[in-house]
Amino acid sequence: DRVSLPSSSKVGDLRILAQNSFQKGFLSLITAGGRILENPQQSLEDVPLRDGEHLTALWREARLTATRAAFALWSPGADGVVTRGCA
């Protein structure tokens, strides 16, 4: 799929656009040079991307751990953990 964003956008904006396009969460974006775009706050202007450059979107499976009163959802290499409930 082809996506387009203004150069003033952030890596996180690009990731969300890719997640919506592929209908998959927990994506890692990798440049043609093999650089993983990890920082969602980084400006696309600071990433050495050329107009029309291809990126690879790598989907990672989510993991879930739960008790009767709480759960934690994460993906290895993701930006964080989502938790809800009482310990």
N, C-alpha and C. Protein backbone atom coordinates (compact mmCIF):
# COMPACT_ATOMS: atom_id res chain seq x y z
N ASP A 1 0.83 -1.18 0.00
CA ASP A 1 0.00 0.00 0.00
C ASP A 1 0.88 1.23 0.00
N ARG A 2 0.40 2.28 -0.60
CA ARG A 2 1.13 3.54 -0.66
C ARG A 2 0.46 4.52 0.29
N VAL A 3 1.26 5.14 1.16
CA VAL A 3 0.75 6.14 2.08
C VAL A 3 1.55 7.42 1.89
N SER A 4 0.95 8.52 2.29
CA SER A 4 1.61 9.81 2.13
C SER A 4 1.30 10.68 3.34
N LEU A 5 2.33 11.36 3.83
CA LEU A 5 2.21 12.27 4.96
C LEU A 5 3.08 13.49 4.71
N PRO A 6 2.73 14.64 5.30
CA PRO A 6 3.62 15.79 5.22
C PRO A 6 4.93 15.49 5.94
N SER A 7 6.02 16.07 5.50
CA SER A 7 7.33 15.82 6.12
C SER A 7 7.38 16.32 7.56
N SER A 8 6.46 17.19 7.95
CA SER A 8 6.42 17.70 9.32
C SER A 8 5.77 16.69 10.28
N SER A 9 5.26 15.58 9.76
CA SER A 9 4.62 14.54 10.59
C SER A 9 5.67 13.80 11.41
N LYS A 10 5.21 13.02 12.35
CA LYS A 10 6.07 12.24 13.23
C LYS A 10 6.05 10.76 12.82
N VAL A 11 7.05 10.02 13.29
CA VAL A 11 7.12 8.58 13.04
C VAL A 11 5.86 7.89 13.56
N GLY A 12 5.35 8.34 14.71
CA GLY A 12 4.12 7.77 15.27
C GLY A 12 2.93 7.96 14.34
N ASP A 13 2.86 9.11 13.64
CA ASP A 13 1.78 9.35 12.67
C ASP A 13 1.87 8.35 11.53
N LEU A 14 3.09 8.11 11.07
CA LEU A 14 3.31 7.16 9.98
C LEU A 14 2.93 5.75 10.42
N ARG A 15 3.30 5.39 11.65
CA ARG A 15 2.96 4.06 12.16
C ARG A 15 1.44 3.87 12.24
N ILE A 16 0.72 4.88 12.74
CA ILE A 16 -0.74 4.80 12.84
C ILE A 16 -1.36 4.67 11.45
N LEU A 17 -0.85 5.43 10.50
CA LEU A 17 -1.35 5.34 9.13
C LEU A 17 -1.13 3.93 8.57
N ALA A 18 0.04 3.36 8.82
CA ALA A 18 0.34 2.00 8.35
C ALA A 18 -0.55 0.98 9.07
N GLN A 19 -0.75 1.15 10.38
CA GLN A 19 -1.61 0.23 11.12
C GLN A 19 -3.03 0.26 10.56
N ASN A 20 -3.53 1.43 10.26
CA ASN A 20 -4.87 1.55 9.69
C ASN A 20 -4.93 0.96 8.29
N SER A 21 -3.90 1.18 7.50
CA SER A 21 -3.86 0.69 6.13
C SER A 21 -3.84 -0.84 6.08
N PHE A 22 -3.03 -1.44 6.95
CA PHE A 22 -2.89 -2.91 6.96
C PHE A 22 -3.86 -3.58 7.92
N GLN A 23 -4.58 -2.77 8.71
CA GLN A 23 -5.50 -3.29 9.73
C GLN A 23 -4.80 -4.25 10.68
N LYS A 24 -3.62 -3.85 11.11
CA LYS A 24 -2.80 -4.62 12.06
C LYS A 24 -2.20 -3.64 13.06
N GLY A 25 -2.18 -4.04 14.32
CA GLY A 25 -1.50 -3.24 15.34
C GLY A 25 -0.09 -3.76 15.52
N PHE A 26 0.64 -3.14 16.42
CA PHE A 26 1.99 -3.59 16.78
C PHE A 26 2.89 -3.75 15.56
N LEU A 27 3.01 -2.70 14.77
CA LEU A 27 3.89 -2.71 13.60
C LEU A 27 5.22 -2.05 13.91
N SER A 28 6.28 -2.59 13.36
CA SER A 28 7.57 -1.92 13.33
C SER A 28 7.80 -1.46 11.90
N LEU A 29 8.29 -0.24 11.73
CA LEU A 29 8.59 0.27 10.39
C LEU A 29 10.10 0.28 10.20
N ILE A 30 10.53 -0.24 9.04
CA ILE A 30 11.95 -0.38 8.76
C ILE A 30 12.24 0.28 7.42
N THR A 31 13.27 1.13 7.39
CA THR A 31 13.63 1.84 6.16
C THR A 31 14.31 0.88 5.18
N ALA A 32 14.46 1.33 3.95
CA ALA A 32 15.14 0.52 2.93
C ALA A 32 16.59 0.26 3.33
N GLY A 33 17.17 1.14 4.14
CA GLY A 33 18.53 0.96 4.62
C GLY A 33 18.64 0.07 5.85
N GLY A 34 17.50 -0.45 6.34
CA GLY A 34 17.50 -1.35 7.47
C GLY A 34 17.36 -0.68 8.83
N ARG A 35 17.09 0.62 8.85
CA ARG A 35 16.93 1.34 10.11
C ARG A 35 15.51 1.18 10.63
N ILE A 36 15.37 0.76 11.90
CA ILE A 36 14.05 0.62 12.52
C ILE A 36 13.62 1.98 13.06
N LEU A 37 12.44 2.42 12.68
CA LEU A 37 11.91 3.70 13.13
C LEU A 37 11.21 3.46 14.47
N GLU A 38 11.92 3.71 15.56
CA GLU A 38 11.43 3.34 16.89
C GLU A 38 10.77 4.48 17.66
N ASN A 39 11.26 5.69 17.51
CA ASN A 39 10.79 6.81 18.32
C ASN A 39 9.54 7.44 17.69
N PRO A 40 8.36 7.24 18.29
CA PRO A 40 7.14 7.79 17.69
C PRO A 40 7.11 9.32 17.68
N GLN A 41 7.94 9.96 18.51
CA GLN A 41 7.97 11.42 18.57
C GLN A 41 8.94 12.04 17.56
N GLN A 42 9.76 11.21 16.91
CA GLN A 42 10.74 11.72 15.97
C GLN A 42 10.05 12.26 14.72
N SER A 43 10.49 13.42 14.28
CA SER A 43 9.94 14.03 13.07
C SER A 43 10.42 13.27 11.83
N LEU A 44 9.55 13.13 10.85
CA LEU A 44 9.95 12.49 9.60
C LEU A 44 11.04 13.28 8.89
N GLU A 45 11.12 14.59 9.19
CA GLU A 45 12.19 15.41 8.62
C GLU A 45 13.56 14.97 9.13
N ASP A 46 13.60 14.40 10.35
CA ASP A 46 14.86 13.95 10.95
C ASP A 46 15.24 12.53 10.54
N VAL A 47 14.32 11.84 9.89
CA VAL A 47 14.58 10.47 9.41
C VAL A 47 15.03 10.60 7.96
N PRO A 48 16.12 9.99 7.61
CA PRO A 48 16.57 10.12 6.21
C PRO A 48 15.71 9.30 5.25
N LEU A 49 14.49 9.80 4.97
CA LEU A 49 13.59 9.16 4.00
C LEU A 49 13.51 10.04 2.76
N ARG A 50 13.52 9.41 1.62
CA ARG A 50 13.32 10.14 0.37
C ARG A 50 11.89 9.96 -0.10
N ASP A 51 11.38 10.92 -0.83
CA ASP A 51 10.03 10.83 -1.38
C ASP A 51 9.92 9.57 -2.23
N GLY A 52 8.93 8.75 -1.94
CA GLY A 52 8.71 7.52 -2.69
C GLY A 52 9.48 6.33 -2.18
N GLU A 53 10.28 6.52 -1.12
CA GLU A 53 11.07 5.40 -0.58
C GLU A 53 10.14 4.33 -0.01
N HIS A 54 10.54 3.09 -0.17
CA HIS A 54 9.76 1.97 0.36
C HIS A 54 10.17 1.69 1.79
N LEU A 55 9.17 1.40 2.62
CA LEU A 55 9.40 0.97 3.99
C LEU A 55 8.84 -0.44 4.14
N THR A 56 9.40 -1.17 5.07
CA THR A 56 8.87 -2.49 5.40
C THR A 56 8.10 -2.36 6.71
N ALA A 57 6.88 -2.90 6.74
CA ALA A 57 6.09 -2.93 7.97
C ALA A 57 6.12 -4.36 8.48
N LEU A 58 6.67 -4.53 9.67
CA LEU A 58 6.79 -5.84 10.28
C LEU A 58 5.75 -5.95 11.39
N TRP A 59 4.82 -6.89 11.25
CA TRP A 59 3.77 -7.08 12.24
C TRP A 59 4.26 -8.01 13.34
N ARG A 60 4.05 -7.59 14.58
CA ARG A 60 4.42 -8.40 15.74
C ARG A 60 3.15 -8.85 16.46
N GLU A 61 3.13 -10.09 16.87
CA GLU A 61 1.98 -10.63 17.58
C GLU A 61 1.90 -10.05 18.99
N ALA A 62 0.70 -9.72 19.43
CA ALA A 62 0.50 -9.20 20.78
C ALA A 62 0.47 -10.34 21.78
N ARG A 63 0.87 -10.04 22.99
CA ARG A 63 0.85 -11.01 24.09
C ARG A 63 -0.10 -10.49 25.17
N LEU A 64 -0.81 -11.39 25.81
CA LEU A 64 -1.76 -11.03 26.86
C LEU A 64 -1.55 -11.94 28.07
N THR A 65 -1.50 -11.31 29.23
CA THR A 65 -1.44 -12.03 30.50
C THR A 65 -2.55 -11.47 31.37
N ALA A 66 -3.28 -12.36 32.04
CA ALA A 66 -4.42 -11.89 32.83
C ALA A 66 -4.57 -12.67 34.12
N THR A 67 -5.20 -12.00 35.09
CA THR A 67 -5.67 -12.63 36.32
C THR A 67 -7.17 -12.40 36.35
N ARG A 68 -7.81 -12.76 37.44
CA ARG A 68 -9.26 -12.51 37.56
C ARG A 68 -9.59 -11.02 37.54
N ALA A 69 -8.65 -10.20 38.04
CA ALA A 69 -8.96 -8.79 38.22
C ALA A 69 -8.14 -7.83 37.37
N ALA A 70 -7.22 -8.34 36.56
CA ALA A 70 -6.36 -7.43 35.80
C ALA A 70 -5.80 -8.12 34.55
N PHE A 71 -5.30 -7.29 33.64
CA PHE A 71 -4.62 -7.85 32.47
C PHE A 71 -3.50 -6.91 32.03
N ALA A 72 -2.57 -7.48 31.27
CA ALA A 72 -1.49 -6.71 30.65
C ALA A 72 -1.38 -7.17 29.20
N LEU A 73 -1.29 -6.22 28.30
CA LEU A 73 -1.18 -6.49 26.86
C LEU A 73 0.10 -5.82 26.37
N TRP A 74 0.94 -6.56 25.64
CA TRP A 74 2.18 -6.00 25.11
C TRP A 74 2.62 -6.79 23.89
N SER A 75 3.62 -6.26 23.24
CA SER A 75 4.25 -6.94 22.12
C SER A 75 5.76 -6.75 22.27
N PRO A 76 6.53 -7.81 22.12
CA PRO A 76 7.98 -7.67 22.22
C PRO A 76 8.50 -6.58 21.28
N GLY A 77 9.26 -5.65 21.80
CA GLY A 77 9.81 -4.56 21.02
C GLY A 77 8.87 -3.39 20.83
N ALA A 78 7.67 -3.44 21.42
CA ALA A 78 6.71 -2.35 21.28
C ALA A 78 7.06 -1.19 22.20
N ASP A 79 6.30 -0.11 22.09
CA ASP A 79 6.57 1.11 22.84
C ASP A 79 6.14 1.04 24.30
N GLY A 80 5.33 0.06 24.69
CA GLY A 80 4.87 0.03 26.07
C GLY A 80 3.99 -1.16 26.35
N VAL A 81 3.36 -1.09 27.52
CA VAL A 81 2.46 -2.13 27.99
C VAL A 81 1.14 -1.47 28.35
N VAL A 82 0.04 -2.11 28.00
CA VAL A 82 -1.29 -1.62 28.38
C VAL A 82 -1.76 -2.50 29.53
N THR A 83 -2.17 -1.88 30.64
CA THR A 83 -2.66 -2.63 31.79
C THR A 83 -3.99 -2.06 32.25
N ARG A 84 -4.82 -2.93 32.80
CA ARG A 84 -6.10 -2.51 33.39
C ARG A 84 -6.40 -3.45 34.55
N GLY A 85 -7.06 -2.91 35.58
CA GLY A 85 -7.49 -3.74 36.69
C GLY A 85 -6.69 -3.51 37.95
N CYS A 86 -6.91 -4.39 38.92
CA CYS A 86 -6.25 -4.33 40.22
C CYS A 86 -5.31 -5.51 40.39
N ALA A 87 -4.20 -5.27 41.04
CA ALA A 87 -3.22 -6.34 41.26
C ALA A 87 -3.68 -7.33 42.28
